[in-house]
Amino acid sequence: MNQGRNNYGTIRLCPHIMQFAIDKLPLILLNMAGYVCAGMDVIPLKGLILGISILLSSYLLYLFIYIRKMDFVVTGEQLIHEHGVFVRDSDYIELYRVVDFKENRSFLQQLAGLKTVSVYSGDRNTPRLDIIGVRNNMNLVAHIRERVEYNKQRKGIYEITNR
C-alpha cells in the first residue's frame, strides 16, 4: 500500500445543462403557454396571466442557477455535494460508508444521453445521494467503487452478509 495515501485525483461533476430542461419541462411548457396566452387579444385577464408567467420565469431562472451551481466532488476519501445559490451547503459522505449504487435513466434522460447515479451510504445525514445529469458514457460507479474499496481496506472495514 501507499502508507495510507492514495493516488486518486479529484473528480468534479456539474449536472449537464439538459438535466434542468428534463427536470423542469412541465413548468417550462406552462410558462411558455402563459406568455402565448398573455399575447392574445381575446384572452381575459391577460395582465394576470402575464404577471404569473413573469413570476414563473423568475422561479425557473433561480432553479436554473441552482442546478448550474451544483457540484459533486469525488476525492480520494469523500463524496461532497455542494449546492445552493444564496446560501451554499456542502454534504459530505465518507467513501468507506458507501454501501451500494444505482443508475437510473428516465426516458428524457435517455434521449439526452444522461443518467442519475444514486449512491447509498450508512451516513446519517445523507443516506442517499443522487448525482444527476451524468453523461451515459462516464462510468462513475466504477470510479467511486474503486475508491470505496480502497478506503474500506485501508480502515479495515469488512462487509458481513447473510446469504
C-alpha atoms as a PDB file:
ATOM      1  CA  MET A   1       0.000   0.000   0.000  1.00  0.00           C
ATOM      2  CA  ASN A   2       0.862   3.646  -0.160  1.00  0.00           C
ATOM      3  CA  GLN A   3       1.178   4.042   3.644  1.00  0.00           C
ATOM      4  CA  GLY A   4      -2.324   5.474   3.920  1.00  0.00           C
ATOM      5  CA  ARG A   5      -2.028   7.751   0.905  1.00  0.00           C
ATOM      6  CA  ASN A   6      -3.895   7.248  -2.339  1.00  0.00           C
ATOM      7  CA  ASN A   7      -3.186   8.494  -5.816  1.00  0.00           C
ATOM      8  CA  TYR A   8      -6.780   9.194  -6.769  1.00  0.00           C
ATOM      9  CA  GLY A   9      -7.375  12.514  -8.438  1.00  0.00           C
ATOM     10  CA  THR A  10     -10.380  14.630  -7.644  1.00  0.00           C
ATOM     11  CA  ILE A  11     -13.407  14.263  -9.913  1.00  0.00           C
ATOM     12  CA  ARG A  12     -15.647  17.334 -10.108  1.00  0.00           C
ATOM     13  CA  LEU A  13     -19.046  16.965 -11.772  1.00  0.00           C
ATOM     14  CA  CYS A  14     -21.699  19.529 -12.557  1.00  0.00           C
ATOM     15  CA  PRO A  15     -25.094  18.350 -13.837  1.00  0.00           C
ATOM     16  CA  HIS A  16     -25.421  18.651 -17.601  1.00  0.00           C
ATOM     17  CA  ILE A  17     -27.489  21.659 -18.673  1.00  0.00           C
ATOM     18  CA  MET A  18     -30.084  19.374 -20.283  1.00  0.00           C
ATOM     19  CA  GLN A  19     -30.889  17.958 -16.845  1.00  0.00           C
ATOM     20  CA  PHE A  20     -32.574  21.271 -15.993  1.00  0.00           C
ATOM     21  CA  ALA A  21     -34.800  21.029 -19.075  1.00  0.00           C
ATOM     22  CA  ILE A  22     -35.609  17.400 -18.266  1.00  0.00           C
ATOM     23  CA  ASP A  23     -36.480  18.092 -14.622  1.00  0.00           C
ATOM     24  CA  LYS A  24     -38.471  21.281 -15.244  1.00  0.00           C
ATOM     25  CA  LEU A  25     -40.078  20.514 -18.612  1.00  0.00           C
ATOM     26  CA  PRO A  26     -43.705  20.824 -17.377  1.00  0.00           C
ATOM     27  CA  LEU A  27     -43.001  24.219 -15.772  1.00  0.00           C
ATOM     28  CA  ILE A  28     -41.144  25.438 -18.863  1.00  0.00           C
ATOM     29  CA  LEU A  29     -44.054  24.433 -21.107  1.00  0.00           C
ATOM     30  CA  LEU A  30     -46.594  26.014 -18.743  1.00  0.00           C
ATOM     31  CA  ASN A  31     -44.565  29.210 -18.683  1.00  0.00           C
ATOM     32  CA  MET A  32     -44.367  29.333 -22.478  1.00  0.00           C
ATOM     33  CA  ALA A  33     -48.128  28.750 -22.721  1.00  0.00           C
ATOM     34  CA  GLY A  34     -48.671  31.612 -20.273  1.00  0.00           C
ATOM     35  CA  TYR A  35     -46.705  34.023 -22.435  1.00  0.00           C
ATOM     36  CA  VAL A  36     -48.565  32.875 -25.547  1.00  0.00           C
ATOM     37  CA  CYS A  37     -51.929  33.363 -23.834  1.00  0.00           C
ATOM     38  CA  ALA A  38     -50.901  36.761 -22.456  1.00  0.00           C
ATOM     39  CA  GLY A  39     -50.101  37.845 -26.009  1.00  0.00           C
ATOM     40  CA  MET A  40     -53.543  37.021 -27.371  1.00  0.00           C
ATOM     41  CA  ASP A  41     -56.131  39.778 -27.540  1.00  0.00           C
ATOM     42  CA  VAL A  42     -59.137  37.520 -26.946  1.00  0.00           C
ATOM     43  CA  ILE A  43     -57.910  36.142 -23.594  1.00  0.00           C
ATOM     44  CA  PRO A  44     -59.422  37.780 -20.493  1.00  0.00           C
ATOM     45  CA  LEU A  45     -57.119  38.607 -17.564  1.00  0.00           C
ATOM     46  CA  LYS A  46     -54.073  38.979 -19.829  1.00  0.00           C
ATOM     47  CA  GLY A  47     -52.319  41.090 -17.207  1.00  0.00           C
ATOM     48  CA  LEU A  48     -52.752  38.455 -14.520  1.00  0.00           C
ATOM     49  CA  ILE A  49     -51.514  35.694 -16.831  1.00  0.00           C
ATOM     50  CA  LEU A  50     -48.504  37.811 -17.814  1.00  0.00           C
ATOM     51  CA  GLY A  51     -47.723  38.514 -14.144  1.00  0.00           C
ATOM     52  CA  ILE A  52     -47.893  34.820 -13.268  1.00  0.00           C
ATOM     53  CA  SER A  53     -45.667  33.993 -16.250  1.00  0.00           C
ATOM     54  CA  ILE A  54     -43.100  36.586 -15.155  1.00  0.00           C
ATOM     55  CA  LEU A  55     -43.079  35.139 -11.607  1.00  0.00           C
ATOM     56  CA  LEU A  56     -42.737  31.626 -13.004  1.00  0.00           C
ATOM     57  CA  SER A  57     -39.867  32.805 -15.242  1.00  0.00           C
ATOM     58  CA  SER A  58     -38.107  34.233 -12.181  1.00  0.00           C
ATOM     59  CA  TYR A  59     -38.572  30.957 -10.325  1.00  0.00           C
ATOM     60  CA  LEU A  60     -37.249  28.972 -13.309  1.00  0.00           C
ATOM     61  CA  LEU A  61     -34.235  31.284 -13.533  1.00  0.00           C
ATOM     62  CA  TYR A  62     -33.491  30.632  -9.858  1.00  0.00           C
ATOM     63  CA  LEU A  63     -33.780  26.861 -10.410  1.00  0.00           C
ATOM     64  CA  PHE A  64     -31.501  27.112 -13.459  1.00  0.00           C
ATOM     65  CA  ILE A  65     -28.858  28.974 -11.453  1.00  0.00           C
ATOM     66  CA  TYR A  66     -29.250  26.449  -8.625  1.00  0.00           C
ATOM     67  CA  ILE A  67     -28.550  23.451 -10.866  1.00  0.00           C
ATOM     68  CA  ARG A  68     -25.668  25.238 -12.627  1.00  0.00           C
ATOM     69  CA  LYS A  69     -24.007  25.983  -9.265  1.00  0.00           C
ATOM     70  CA  MET A  70     -24.453  22.380  -8.076  1.00  0.00           C
ATOM     71  CA  ASP A  71     -21.230  20.391  -7.822  1.00  0.00           C
ATOM     72  CA  PHE A  72     -20.465  16.791  -6.968  1.00  0.00           C
ATOM     73  CA  VAL A  73     -16.851  16.249  -5.926  1.00  0.00           C
ATOM     74  CA  VAL A  74     -15.293  12.799  -5.532  1.00  0.00           C
ATOM     75  CA  THR A  75     -11.971  12.902  -3.680  1.00  0.00           C
ATOM     76  CA  GLY A  76      -9.847  10.010  -2.529  1.00  0.00           C
ATOM     77  CA  GLU A  77     -11.795   9.749   0.733  1.00  0.00           C
ATOM     78  CA  GLN A  78     -15.071  11.677   0.404  1.00  0.00           C
ATOM     79  CA  LEU A  79     -18.032  12.364  -1.816  1.00  0.00           C
ATOM     80  CA  ILE A  80     -19.071  16.005  -1.482  1.00  0.00           C
ATOM     81  CA  HIS A  81     -22.305  17.582  -2.720  1.00  0.00           C
ATOM     82  CA  GLU A  82     -22.117  21.387  -2.908  1.00  0.00           C
ATOM     83  CA  HIS A  83     -25.357  23.207  -3.639  1.00  0.00           C
ATOM     84  CA  GLY A  84     -27.230  26.452  -3.132  1.00  0.00           C
ATOM     85  CA  VAL A  85     -27.442  29.916  -4.663  1.00  0.00           C
ATOM     86  CA  PHE A  86     -27.661  32.468  -1.871  1.00  0.00           C
ATOM     87  CA  VAL A  87     -26.565  30.073   0.863  1.00  0.00           C
ATOM     88  CA  ARG A  88     -24.118  27.328  -0.089  1.00  0.00           C
ATOM     89  CA  ASP A  89     -24.318  23.956   1.644  1.00  0.00           C
ATOM     90  CA  SER A  90     -21.892  21.057   1.447  1.00  0.00           C
ATOM     91  CA  ASP A  91     -22.878  17.493   2.293  1.00  0.00           C
ATOM     92  CA  TYR A  92     -20.049  15.045   2.942  1.00  0.00           C
ATOM     93  CA  ILE A  93     -20.128  11.265   2.667  1.00  0.00           C
ATOM     94  CA  GLU A  94     -17.072   9.321   3.759  1.00  0.00           C
ATOM     95  CA  LEU A  95     -16.407   6.810   0.998  1.00  0.00           C
ATOM     96  CA  TYR A  96     -15.866   3.923   3.413  1.00  0.00           C
ATOM     97  CA  ARG A  97     -19.570   4.349   4.398  1.00  0.00           C
ATOM     98  CA  VAL A  98     -20.865   3.785   0.844  1.00  0.00           C
ATOM     99  CA  VAL A  99     -22.776   0.503   0.598  1.00  0.00           C
ATOM    100  CA  ASP A 100     -24.497   0.448  -2.798  1.00  0.00           C
ATOM    101  CA  PHE A 101     -25.131   2.168  -6.126  1.00  0.00           C
ATOM    102  CA  LYS A 102     -27.958   2.502  -8.607  1.00  0.00           C
ATOM    103  CA  GLU A 103     -28.093   4.034 -12.088  1.00  0.00           C
ATOM    104  CA  ASN A 104     -31.354   5.345 -13.478  1.00  0.00           C
ATOM    105  CA  ARG A 105     -32.156   6.703 -16.941  1.00  0.00           C
ATOM    106  CA  SER A 106     -35.581   8.252 -17.425  1.00  0.00           C
ATOM    107  CA  PHE A 107     -36.964   8.354 -20.951  1.00  0.00           C
ATOM    108  CA  LEU A 108     -35.936  12.015 -21.409  1.00  0.00           C
ATOM    109  CA  GLN A 109     -32.510  11.330 -19.910  1.00  0.00           C
ATOM    110  CA  GLN A 110     -32.044   8.503 -22.421  1.00  0.00           C
ATOM    111  CA  LEU A 111     -32.848  10.902 -25.256  1.00  0.00           C
ATOM    112  CA  ALA A 112     -30.305  13.397 -23.894  1.00  0.00           C
ATOM    113  CA  GLY A 113     -27.629  10.758 -23.174  1.00  0.00           C
ATOM    114  CA  LEU A 114     -27.746  11.327 -19.414  1.00  0.00           C
ATOM    115  CA  LYS A 115     -28.316   9.313 -16.252  1.00  0.00           C
ATOM    116  CA  THR A 116     -28.700   9.681 -12.499  1.00  0.00           C
ATOM    117  CA  VAL A 117     -26.309   7.793 -10.241  1.00  0.00           C
ATOM    118  CA  SER A 118     -27.651   7.106  -6.741  1.00  0.00           C
ATOM    119  CA  VAL A 119     -25.101   6.448  -4.017  1.00  0.00           C
ATOM    120  CA  TYR A 120     -26.370   4.717  -0.860  1.00  0.00           C
ATOM    121  CA  SER A 121     -24.397   5.067   2.346  1.00  0.00           C
ATOM    122  CA  GLY A 122     -24.514   4.443   6.060  1.00  0.00           C
ATOM    123  CA  ASP A 123     -24.255   8.202   6.602  1.00  0.00           C
ATOM    124  CA  ARG A 124     -26.976   9.552   8.911  1.00  0.00           C
ATOM    125  CA  ASN A 125     -27.421  12.889   7.185  1.00  0.00           C
ATOM    126  CA  THR A 126     -27.130  11.675   3.605  1.00  0.00           C
ATOM    127  CA  PRO A 127     -28.178   8.023   3.304  1.00  0.00           C
ATOM    128  CA  ARG A 128     -28.827   8.522  -0.426  1.00  0.00           C
ATOM    129  CA  LEU A 129     -27.202  10.993  -2.769  1.00  0.00           C
ATOM    130  CA  ASP A 130     -28.480  11.383  -6.320  1.00  0.00           C
ATOM    131  CA  ILE A 131     -25.824  12.597  -8.733  1.00  0.00           C
ATOM    132  CA  ILE A 132     -27.951  13.985 -11.553  1.00  0.00           C
ATOM    133  CA  GLY A 133     -27.102  14.838 -15.144  1.00  0.00           C
ATOM    134  CA  VAL A 134     -24.151  12.452 -15.561  1.00  0.00           C
ATOM    135  CA  ARG A 135     -23.243  11.585 -19.146  1.00  0.00           C
ATOM    136  CA  ASN A 136     -24.082   7.978 -20.067  1.00  0.00           C
ATOM    137  CA  ASN A 137     -20.554   7.249 -21.282  1.00  0.00           C
ATOM    138  CA  MET A 138     -18.995   8.059 -17.888  1.00  0.00           C
ATOM    139  CA  ASN A 139     -18.595   5.002 -15.673  1.00  0.00           C
ATOM    140  CA  LEU A 140     -18.886   6.964 -12.434  1.00  0.00           C
ATOM    141  CA  VAL A 141     -19.873   3.933 -10.368  1.00  0.00           C
ATOM    142  CA  ALA A 142     -16.588   2.183 -11.212  1.00  0.00           C
ATOM    143  CA  HIS A 143     -14.580   5.273 -10.210  1.00  0.00           C
ATOM    144  CA  ILE A 144     -16.374   5.602  -6.890  1.00  0.00           C
ATOM    145  CA  ARG A 145     -16.433   1.845  -6.183  1.00  0.00           C
ATOM    146  CA  GLU A 146     -12.651   1.610  -6.566  1.00  0.00           C
ATOM    147  CA  ARG A 147     -12.177   4.438  -4.064  1.00  0.00           C
ATOM    148  CA  VAL A 148     -14.745   2.911  -1.689  1.00  0.00           C
ATOM    149  CA  GLU A 149     -12.941  -0.444  -1.687  1.00  0.00           C
ATOM    150  CA  TYR A 150      -9.582   1.253  -1.134  1.00  0.00           C
ATOM    151  CA  ASN A 151     -10.926   3.218   1.845  1.00  0.00           C
ATOM    152  CA  LYS A 152     -12.657   0.202   3.391  1.00  0.00           C
ATOM    153  CA  GLN A 153      -9.476  -1.833   3.064  1.00  0.00           C
ATOM    154  CA  ARG A 154      -7.380   0.996   4.484  1.00  0.00           C
ATOM    155  CA  LYS A 155      -9.674   1.322   7.507  1.00  0.00           C
ATOM    156  CA  GLY A 156     -10.029  -2.442   7.976  1.00  0.00           C
ATOM    157  CA  ILE A 157     -13.769  -2.450   7.300  1.00  0.00           C
ATOM    158  CA  TYR A 158     -15.210  -5.705   6.042  1.00  0.00           C
ATOM    159  CA  GLU A 159     -18.784  -6.310   4.962  1.00  0.00           C
ATOM    160  CA  ILE A 160     -20.625  -9.202   6.575  1.00  0.00           C
ATOM    161  CA  THR A 161     -23.512 -10.561   4.508  1.00  0.00           C
ATOM    162  CA  ASN A 162     -26.192 -13.081   5.275  1.00  0.00           C
ATOM    163  CA  ARG A 163     -26.511 -15.241   2.145  1.00  0.00           C
END
